[in-house]
Amino acid sequence: MSHDDHGRPPVLIIVNTRSHPWREKAINFEQLVELAYPGQPPTDQDTITVRYSRGHDGHGSGSLTAGRSVNVKNGMVFDVVRTSRS
């Protein structure tokens, strides 16, 4: 799943070990959850943790929460973990 951003060439990002082409300058929490778990929206029982690495200087690694975004670069790695409460 890639999004058009005025002809910007895609970069490859890694989400849970899978490569995805991405055309937008940034990606948000909700887009990452959809890439990691396509067609499986979170429920009230789920906790989602998003961490990233290999980002831009000064923001090379960190985490995202709902509603937040980060600028992407080629080869950036995202780990999206879904934990369900029983």
C-alpha atoms as a PDB file:
ATOM      1  CA  MET A   1       0.000   0.000   0.000  1.00  0.00           C
ATOM      2  CA  SER A   2       1.550   3.248  -1.093  1.00  0.00           C
ATOM      3  CA  HIS A   3       0.152   6.747  -1.245  1.00  0.00           C
ATOM      4  CA  ASP A   4       0.756   9.338  -3.962  1.00  0.00           C
ATOM      5  CA  ASP A   5       2.524  12.518  -2.832  1.00  0.00           C
ATOM      6  CA  HIS A   6       2.871  14.659  -5.969  1.00  0.00           C
ATOM      7  CA  GLY A   7       5.116  12.240  -7.851  1.00  0.00           C
ATOM      8  CA  ARG A   8       7.581  11.725  -5.031  1.00  0.00           C
ATOM      9  CA  PRO A   9       9.593   8.573  -5.799  1.00  0.00           C
ATOM     10  CA  PRO A  10       8.797   5.779  -3.354  1.00  0.00           C
ATOM     11  CA  VAL A  11      11.141   4.755  -0.585  1.00  0.00           C
ATOM     12  CA  LEU A  12      11.165   1.263   0.888  1.00  0.00           C
ATOM     13  CA  ILE A  13      10.193   0.986   4.529  1.00  0.00           C
ATOM     14  CA  ILE A  14      10.257  -2.217   6.558  1.00  0.00           C
ATOM     15  CA  VAL A  15       7.187  -2.988   8.682  1.00  0.00           C
ATOM     16  CA  ASN A  16       7.418  -6.150  10.792  1.00  0.00           C
ATOM     17  CA  THR A  17      10.167  -7.516   8.484  1.00  0.00           C
ATOM     18  CA  ARG A  18       8.157  -6.865   5.273  1.00  0.00           C
ATOM     19  CA  SER A  19       9.157  -4.249   2.677  1.00  0.00           C
ATOM     20  CA  HIS A  20       6.580  -1.673   1.607  1.00  0.00           C
ATOM     21  CA  PRO A  21       7.013   1.118  -0.963  1.00  0.00           C
ATOM     22  CA  TRP A  22       5.947   4.478   0.489  1.00  0.00           C
ATOM     23  CA  ARG A  23       5.518   7.757  -1.427  1.00  0.00           C
ATOM     24  CA  GLU A  24       4.469  10.149   1.310  1.00  0.00           C
ATOM     25  CA  LYS A  25       6.989  12.238   3.240  1.00  0.00           C
ATOM     26  CA  ALA A  26       5.622  10.930   6.553  1.00  0.00           C
ATOM     27  CA  ILE A  27       3.697   7.949   7.891  1.00  0.00           C
ATOM     28  CA  ASN A  28       1.354   7.933  10.872  1.00  0.00           C
ATOM     29  CA  PHE A  29       0.526   5.435  13.587  1.00  0.00           C
ATOM     30  CA  GLU A  30      -2.747   4.350  11.976  1.00  0.00           C
ATOM     31  CA  GLN A  31      -1.146   3.767   8.559  1.00  0.00           C
ATOM     32  CA  LEU A  32       1.542   1.608  10.154  1.00  0.00           C
ATOM     33  CA  VAL A  33      -1.054  -0.474  12.010  1.00  0.00           C
ATOM     34  CA  GLU A  34      -2.891  -1.062   8.704  1.00  0.00           C
ATOM     35  CA  LEU A  35       0.360  -2.092   6.956  1.00  0.00           C
ATOM     36  CA  ALA A  36       1.253  -4.471   9.795  1.00  0.00           C
ATOM     37  CA  TYR A  37      -2.242  -5.929  10.238  1.00  0.00           C
ATOM     38  CA  PRO A  38      -4.162  -5.335   6.984  1.00  0.00           C
ATOM     39  CA  GLY A  39      -7.928  -5.524   7.375  1.00  0.00           C
ATOM     40  CA  GLN A  40      -7.653  -6.131  11.128  1.00  0.00           C
ATOM     41  CA  PRO A  41      -8.593  -2.902  12.905  1.00  0.00           C
ATOM     42  CA  PRO A  42      -7.661  -2.789  16.593  1.00  0.00           C
ATOM     43  CA  THR A  43     -10.351  -3.449  19.180  1.00  0.00           C
ATOM     44  CA  ASP A  44     -10.791  -2.007  22.661  1.00  0.00           C
ATOM     45  CA  GLN A  45      -8.980  -5.102  23.951  1.00  0.00           C
ATOM     46  CA  ASP A  46      -5.833  -4.419  21.883  1.00  0.00           C
ATOM     47  CA  THR A  47      -2.776  -2.411  22.805  1.00  0.00           C
ATOM     48  CA  ILE A  48      -0.604  -1.403  19.846  1.00  0.00           C
ATOM     49  CA  THR A  49       3.046  -0.430  20.240  1.00  0.00           C
ATOM     50  CA  VAL A  50       4.907   1.161  17.305  1.00  0.00           C
ATOM     51  CA  ARG A  51       8.686   1.586  17.423  1.00  0.00           C
ATOM     52  CA  TYR A  52      10.982   2.720  14.644  1.00  0.00           C
ATOM     53  CA  SER A  53      14.702   2.792  13.878  1.00  0.00           C
ATOM     54  CA  ARG A  54      17.034   3.876  11.071  1.00  0.00           C
ATOM     55  CA  GLY A  55      15.215   7.200  10.771  1.00  0.00           C
ATOM     56  CA  HIS A  56      16.497  10.697  10.019  1.00  0.00           C
ATOM     57  CA  ASP A  57      19.344  12.234  12.032  1.00  0.00           C
ATOM     58  CA  GLY A  58      18.141  13.446  15.400  1.00  0.00           C
ATOM     59  CA  HIS A  59      15.077  11.222  15.137  1.00  0.00           C
ATOM     60  CA  GLY A  60      16.784   7.942  14.272  1.00  0.00           C
ATOM     61  CA  SER A  61      14.727   5.857  16.655  1.00  0.00           C
ATOM     62  CA  GLY A  62      11.677   6.257  18.802  1.00  0.00           C
ATOM     63  CA  SER A  63       8.050   5.322  19.175  1.00  0.00           C
ATOM     64  CA  LEU A  64       4.716   6.534  17.851  1.00  0.00           C
ATOM     65  CA  THR A  65       1.355   6.816  19.545  1.00  0.00           C
ATOM     66  CA  ALA A  66      -2.114   7.170  18.015  1.00  0.00           C
ATOM     67  CA  GLY A  67      -2.455  10.341  15.949  1.00  0.00           C
ATOM     68  CA  ARG A  68       1.312  10.903  15.630  1.00  0.00           C
ATOM     69  CA  SER A  69       3.534  10.633  12.541  1.00  0.00           C
ATOM     70  CA  VAL A  70       7.211  10.539  11.602  1.00  0.00           C
ATOM     71  CA  ASN A  71       9.089  11.492   8.421  1.00  0.00           C
ATOM     72  CA  VAL A  72      10.274   8.411   6.546  1.00  0.00           C
ATOM     73  CA  LYS A  73      13.476   7.595   4.722  1.00  0.00           C
ATOM     74  CA  ASN A  74      14.593   4.681   2.610  1.00  0.00           C
ATOM     75  CA  GLY A  75      15.333   1.591   4.714  1.00  0.00           C
ATOM     76  CA  MET A  76      13.531   2.849   7.824  1.00  0.00           C
ATOM     77  CA  VAL A  77      12.377  -0.013  10.073  1.00  0.00           C
ATOM     78  CA  PHE A  78       9.090  -0.164  11.989  1.00  0.00           C
ATOM     79  CA  ASP A  79       8.032  -2.756  14.567  1.00  0.00           C
ATOM     80  CA  VAL A  80       4.288  -2.841  15.199  1.00  0.00           C
ATOM     81  CA  VAL A  81       3.263  -5.112  18.080  1.00  0.00           C
ATOM     82  CA  ARG A  82      -0.347  -5.918  18.911  1.00  0.00           C
ATOM     83  CA  THR A  83      -1.127  -7.236  22.381  1.00  0.00           C
ATOM     84  CA  SER A  84      -4.650  -8.387  23.263  1.00  0.00           C
ATOM     85  CA  ARG A  85      -6.009  -8.430  26.773  1.00  0.00           C
ATOM     86  CA  SER A  86      -8.015 -11.479  27.678  1.00  0.00           C
END
